Protein backbone atom coordinates (compact mmCIF):
# COMPACT_ATOMS: atom_id res chain seq x y z
CA UNK A 1 122.77 104.53 80.49
CA UNK A 2 123.86 103.77 84.00
CA UNK A 3 123.87 100.19 85.14
CA UNK A 4 121.90 99.37 88.27
CA UNK A 5 125.07 98.08 89.95
CA UNK A 6 126.73 101.46 89.38
CA UNK A 7 123.73 103.23 90.87
CA UNK A 8 123.70 101.01 93.97
CA UNK A 9 127.26 101.96 94.94
CA UNK A 10 126.62 105.68 94.48
CA UNK A 11 126.02 107.87 97.51
CA UNK A 12 122.72 109.62 98.15
CA UNK A 13 124.19 112.96 97.08
CA UNK A 14 125.49 111.50 93.83
CA UNK A 15 122.09 109.97 93.11
CA UNK A 16 120.33 113.26 93.76
CA UNK A 17 122.73 115.10 91.46
CA UNK A 18 122.35 112.51 88.72
CA UNK A 19 118.56 112.60 89.10
CA UNK A 20 118.57 116.37 88.58
CA UNK A 21 120.72 116.05 85.47
CA UNK A 22 118.50 113.32 84.03
CA UNK A 23 115.34 115.34 84.66
CA UNK A 24 116.90 118.29 82.84
CA UNK A 25 117.85 116.00 79.96
CA UNK A 26 114.34 114.55 79.89
CA UNK A 27 112.93 118.07 79.67
CA UNK A 28 115.19 118.87 76.72
CA UNK A 29 114.32 115.59 75.01
CA UNK A 30 110.61 116.37 75.30
CA UNK A 31 111.16 119.66 73.49
CA UNK A 32 113.22 117.95 70.80
CA UNK A 33 110.48 115.35 70.33
CA UNK A 34 107.82 118.06 70.03
CA UNK A 35 109.79 119.81 67.29
CA UNK A 36 110.80 116.57 65.53
CA UNK A 37 114.50 117.11 66.19
CA UNK A 38 115.27 113.92 68.12
CA UNK A 39 118.46 112.26 66.89
CA UNK A 40 118.10 109.19 69.08
CA UNK A 41 114.49 108.45 70.09
CA UNK A 42 115.55 105.51 72.25
CA UNK A 43 117.32 107.93 74.59
CA UNK A 44 113.92 109.09 75.91
CA UNK A 45 113.20 105.58 77.15
CA UNK A 46 116.68 105.14 78.64
CA UNK A 47 116.44 108.39 80.59
CA UNK A 48 112.97 107.57 81.87
CA UNK A 49 114.06 104.14 83.07
CA UNK A 50 117.20 105.45 84.76
CA UNK A 51 115.13 108.06 86.59
CA UNK A 52 112.82 105.30 87.80
CA UNK A 53 115.76 103.18 88.96
CA UNK A 54 117.24 106.08 90.93
CA UNK A 55 113.92 106.88 92.57
CA UNK A 56 113.46 103.22 93.48
CA UNK A 57 116.90 103.09 95.08
CA UNK A 58 116.22 106.28 97.02
CA UNK A 59 112.93 104.86 98.32
CA UNK A 60 114.58 101.59 99.34
CA UNK A 61 117.32 103.45 101.19
CA UNK A 62 114.89 105.74 103.00
CA UNK A 63 112.73 102.79 104.07
CA UNK A 64 115.71 100.81 105.34
CA UNK A 65 116.95 103.86 107.24
CA UNK A 66 113.52 104.30 108.86
CA UNK A 67 113.55 100.76 110.27
């Protein structure tokens, strides 16, 4: 799981790329959960939280750029 400090120093392009990868992973984890094949159930929560952190950072950056 990425630390928030690591996410803050990442560029917008890096955040977008990481967001895409995490969404793909979340999709795969949902399928694994539906078929009872999850090896690490806590990973679902980690991915969801990291996605939220990235989206929050992107929103903060876009708002500060608009000012």
